[in-house]
Amino acid sequence: MIGKPPDPTRMLRAAGLLVKYYLLAWFCFTVLCLMLIGLGAFHLLSVLLMTLGLLLARLAIFLFCFVAVAAIAEAWKYW
C-alpha cells in the first residue's frame, strides 16, 4: 500500500490520549510528593501514597488492557 497511512480508529486515539493524561497525572503526583517532602508533611504524604498511589497503579492495569484491545481492534480491521 503506497501513499498516506490510514487514520487510526477512535478507540486507538482515545487510548493515546488516556496514556498521555495518565503520564501527566504521574508527573503531577511526583511533583506534589516532592513538595510535601520539602514542607515536611510526611503524614499527609503517607496518606496520599496509599490512596492515589493505589489508584494510579490500578489505572495502569486498566490502561494497559485498553491499549492492547485498541491495538488488536486496529490490527483486526486490516486482517
N, C-alpha and C. Protein backbone atom coordinates (compact mmCIF):
# COMPACT_ATOMS: atom_id res chain seq x y z
N MET A 1 0.84 -1.17 0.00
CA MET A 1 0.00 0.00 0.00
C MET A 1 0.89 1.24 0.00
N ILE A 2 0.81 2.03 -1.04
CA ILE A 2 1.63 3.23 -1.17
C ILE A 2 0.74 4.44 -0.94
N GLY A 3 1.30 5.43 -0.26
CA GLY A 3 0.54 6.66 -0.03
C GLY A 3 0.43 6.95 1.45
N LYS A 4 -0.57 7.70 1.76
CA LYS A 4 -0.80 8.12 3.14
C LYS A 4 -1.29 6.94 3.97
N PRO A 5 -0.70 6.75 5.17
CA PRO A 5 -1.19 5.66 6.02
C PRO A 5 -2.60 5.95 6.51
N PRO A 6 -3.37 4.92 6.79
CA PRO A 6 -4.76 5.14 7.23
C PRO A 6 -4.80 5.80 8.61
N ASP A 7 -5.85 6.56 8.84
CA ASP A 7 -6.03 7.21 10.13
C ASP A 7 -6.37 6.16 11.19
N PRO A 8 -5.85 6.36 12.41
CA PRO A 8 -6.19 5.40 13.47
C PRO A 8 -7.66 5.53 13.87
N THR A 9 -8.19 4.47 14.43
CA THR A 9 -9.59 4.49 14.84
C THR A 9 -9.76 5.37 16.07
N ARG A 10 -11.02 5.64 16.38
CA ARG A 10 -11.31 6.48 17.54
C ARG A 10 -10.83 5.83 18.83
N MET A 11 -10.92 4.52 18.88
CA MET A 11 -10.51 3.81 20.08
C MET A 11 -9.00 3.94 20.31
N LEU A 12 -8.22 3.86 19.24
CA LEU A 12 -6.77 3.99 19.37
C LEU A 12 -6.39 5.42 19.72
N ARG A 13 -7.08 6.40 19.15
CA ARG A 13 -6.81 7.80 19.52
C ARG A 13 -7.17 8.06 20.98
N ALA A 14 -8.28 7.47 21.45
CA ALA A 14 -8.67 7.62 22.85
C ALA A 14 -7.63 6.97 23.76
N ALA A 15 -7.10 5.82 23.36
CA ALA A 15 -6.07 5.16 24.16
C ALA A 15 -4.81 6.02 24.24
N GLY A 16 -4.46 6.67 23.15
CA GLY A 16 -3.31 7.56 23.16
C GLY A 16 -3.51 8.75 24.10
N LEU A 17 -4.71 9.31 24.06
CA LEU A 17 -5.00 10.43 24.97
C LEU A 17 -4.98 9.98 26.42
N LEU A 18 -5.53 8.80 26.70
CA LEU A 18 -5.52 8.30 28.07
C LEU A 18 -4.11 8.07 28.57
N VAL A 19 -3.24 7.54 27.72
CA VAL A 19 -1.84 7.35 28.11
C VAL A 19 -1.18 8.69 28.39
N LYS A 20 -1.45 9.66 27.55
CA LYS A 20 -0.87 10.99 27.74
C LYS A 20 -1.28 11.60 29.07
N TYR A 21 -2.55 11.55 29.38
CA TYR A 21 -3.01 12.15 30.63
C TYR A 21 -2.64 11.30 31.84
N TYR A 22 -2.48 10.01 31.66
CA TYR A 22 -2.02 9.16 32.75
C TYR A 22 -0.58 9.52 33.13
N LEU A 23 0.27 9.69 32.12
CA LEU A 23 1.65 10.08 32.40
C LEU A 23 1.72 11.48 33.00
N LEU A 24 0.85 12.37 32.57
CA LEU A 24 0.79 13.70 33.15
C LEU A 24 0.36 13.64 34.61
N ALA A 25 -0.56 12.74 34.93
CA ALA A 25 -1.00 12.58 36.32
C ALA A 25 0.14 12.06 37.18
N TRP A 26 0.93 11.12 36.66
CA TRP A 26 2.08 10.63 37.42
C TRP A 26 3.10 11.73 37.64
N PHE A 27 3.31 12.57 36.64
CA PHE A 27 4.25 13.68 36.78
C PHE A 27 3.78 14.65 37.86
N CYS A 28 2.51 15.00 37.84
CA CYS A 28 1.96 15.92 38.85
C CYS A 28 2.00 15.28 40.23
N PHE A 29 1.74 13.99 40.32
CA PHE A 29 1.79 13.28 41.60
C PHE A 29 3.21 13.30 42.16
N THR A 30 4.20 13.13 41.29
CA THR A 30 5.59 13.17 41.72
C THR A 30 5.98 14.54 42.23
N VAL A 31 5.57 15.58 41.51
CA VAL A 31 5.87 16.95 41.94
C VAL A 31 5.20 17.24 43.28
N LEU A 32 3.97 16.80 43.46
CA LEU A 32 3.27 17.00 44.72
C LEU A 32 3.98 16.29 45.87
N CYS A 33 4.44 15.07 45.63
CA CYS A 33 5.16 14.34 46.68
C CYS A 33 6.46 15.05 47.04
N LEU A 34 7.16 15.55 46.05
CA LEU A 34 8.40 16.28 46.34
C LEU A 34 8.12 17.57 47.11
N MET A 35 7.04 18.24 46.80
CA MET A 35 6.68 19.45 47.55
C MET A 35 6.32 19.12 48.99
N LEU A 36 5.59 18.02 49.20
CA LEU A 36 5.23 17.63 50.56
C LEU A 36 6.44 17.21 51.37
N ILE A 37 7.41 16.57 50.74
CA ILE A 37 8.65 16.22 51.43
C ILE A 37 9.40 17.49 51.82
N GLY A 38 9.43 18.45 50.91
CA GLY A 38 10.09 19.72 51.20
C GLY A 38 9.43 20.48 52.33
N LEU A 39 8.13 20.38 52.44
CA LEU A 39 7.41 21.07 53.50
C LEU A 39 7.38 20.28 54.81
N GLY A 40 7.78 19.03 54.76
CA GLY A 40 7.81 18.20 55.96
C GLY A 40 6.48 17.60 56.35
N ALA A 41 5.56 17.49 55.41
CA ALA A 41 4.24 16.92 55.69
C ALA A 41 4.25 15.43 55.39
N PHE A 42 4.97 14.68 56.22
CA PHE A 42 5.15 13.25 55.96
C PHE A 42 3.88 12.45 56.22
N HIS A 43 3.05 12.89 57.16
CA HIS A 43 1.80 12.17 57.42
C HIS A 43 0.85 12.30 56.23
N LEU A 44 0.76 13.50 55.70
CA LEU A 44 -0.08 13.71 54.52
C LEU A 44 0.47 12.95 53.33
N LEU A 45 1.77 12.88 53.23
CA LEU A 45 2.41 12.16 52.13
C LEU A 45 2.09 10.67 52.20
N SER A 46 2.10 10.09 53.40
CA SER A 46 1.80 8.66 53.51
C SER A 46 0.35 8.37 53.14
N VAL A 47 -0.57 9.25 53.52
CA VAL A 47 -1.98 9.07 53.14
C VAL A 47 -2.13 9.18 51.63
N LEU A 48 -1.45 10.15 51.04
CA LEU A 48 -1.52 10.35 49.60
C LEU A 48 -0.95 9.15 48.84
N LEU A 49 0.16 8.62 49.33
CA LEU A 49 0.76 7.47 48.66
C LEU A 49 -0.14 6.24 48.73
N MET A 50 -0.82 6.09 49.85
CA MET A 50 -1.71 4.92 49.98
C MET A 50 -2.93 5.04 49.09
N THR A 51 -3.50 6.23 48.95
CA THR A 51 -4.74 6.37 48.18
C THR A 51 -4.46 6.59 46.70
N LEU A 52 -3.78 7.67 46.38
CA LEU A 52 -3.56 7.99 44.97
C LEU A 52 -2.58 7.02 44.31
N GLY A 53 -1.61 6.53 45.07
CA GLY A 53 -0.67 5.57 44.50
C GLY A 53 -1.37 4.30 44.07
N LEU A 54 -2.27 3.80 44.92
CA LEU A 54 -3.03 2.60 44.56
C LEU A 54 -3.97 2.86 43.39
N LEU A 55 -4.58 4.02 43.38
CA LEU A 55 -5.48 4.36 42.27
C LEU A 55 -4.72 4.43 40.95
N LEU A 56 -3.56 5.08 40.95
CA LEU A 56 -2.79 5.18 39.72
C LEU A 56 -2.24 3.82 39.28
N ALA A 57 -1.93 2.96 40.24
CA ALA A 57 -1.46 1.62 39.88
C ALA A 57 -2.59 0.80 39.24
N ARG A 58 -3.78 0.89 39.78
CA ARG A 58 -4.92 0.17 39.19
C ARG A 58 -5.28 0.75 37.82
N LEU A 59 -5.15 2.04 37.69
CA LEU A 59 -5.40 2.67 36.40
C LEU A 59 -4.39 2.20 35.36
N ALA A 60 -3.17 1.92 35.78
CA ALA A 60 -2.16 1.43 34.85
C ALA A 60 -2.56 0.08 34.26
N ILE A 61 -3.12 -0.79 35.09
CA ILE A 61 -3.56 -2.10 34.62
C ILE A 61 -4.71 -1.93 33.62
N PHE A 62 -5.68 -1.08 33.96
CA PHE A 62 -6.78 -0.83 33.05
C PHE A 62 -6.29 -0.23 31.74
N LEU A 63 -5.37 0.71 31.82
CA LEU A 63 -4.87 1.38 30.63
C LEU A 63 -4.10 0.42 29.74
N PHE A 64 -3.33 -0.47 30.33
CA PHE A 64 -2.60 -1.46 29.54
C PHE A 64 -3.58 -2.35 28.77
N CYS A 65 -4.62 -2.79 29.44
CA CYS A 65 -5.62 -3.64 28.78
C CYS A 65 -6.35 -2.88 27.67
N PHE A 66 -6.67 -1.61 27.93
CA PHE A 66 -7.38 -0.80 26.93
C PHE A 66 -6.52 -0.57 25.70
N VAL A 67 -5.24 -0.30 25.89
CA VAL A 67 -4.33 -0.10 24.75
C VAL A 67 -4.18 -1.40 23.97
N ALA A 68 -4.10 -2.52 24.68
CA ALA A 68 -3.98 -3.80 23.99
C ALA A 68 -5.22 -4.11 23.15
N VAL A 69 -6.40 -3.86 23.70
CA VAL A 69 -7.64 -4.10 22.96
C VAL A 69 -7.73 -3.17 21.76
N ALA A 70 -7.33 -1.91 21.94
CA ALA A 70 -7.37 -0.95 20.82
C ALA A 70 -6.40 -1.36 19.72
N ALA A 71 -5.22 -1.83 20.08
CA ALA A 71 -4.26 -2.26 19.07
C ALA A 71 -4.74 -3.51 18.34
N ILE A 72 -5.34 -4.43 19.07
CA ILE A 72 -5.87 -5.63 18.43
C ILE A 72 -7.03 -5.29 17.50
N ALA A 73 -7.89 -4.37 17.94
CA ALA A 73 -9.02 -3.96 17.10
C ALA A 73 -8.53 -3.26 15.83
N GLU A 74 -7.45 -2.48 15.97
CA GLU A 74 -6.89 -1.79 14.80
C GLU A 74 -6.29 -2.80 13.84
N ALA A 75 -5.59 -3.79 14.35
CA ALA A 75 -4.98 -4.81 13.50
C ALA A 75 -6.05 -5.70 12.87
N TRP A 76 -7.10 -5.96 13.60
CA TRP A 76 -8.18 -6.83 13.10
C TRP A 76 -8.86 -6.20 11.88
N LYS A 77 -8.86 -4.88 11.86
CA LYS A 77 -9.50 -4.16 10.77
C LYS A 77 -8.85 -4.46 9.43
N TYR A 78 -7.53 -4.71 9.42
CA TYR A 78 -6.80 -4.92 8.17
C TYR A 78 -6.44 -6.37 7.93
N TRP A 79 -6.94 -7.28 8.74
CA TRP A 79 -6.60 -8.68 8.58
C TRP A 79 -7.47 -9.34 7.56
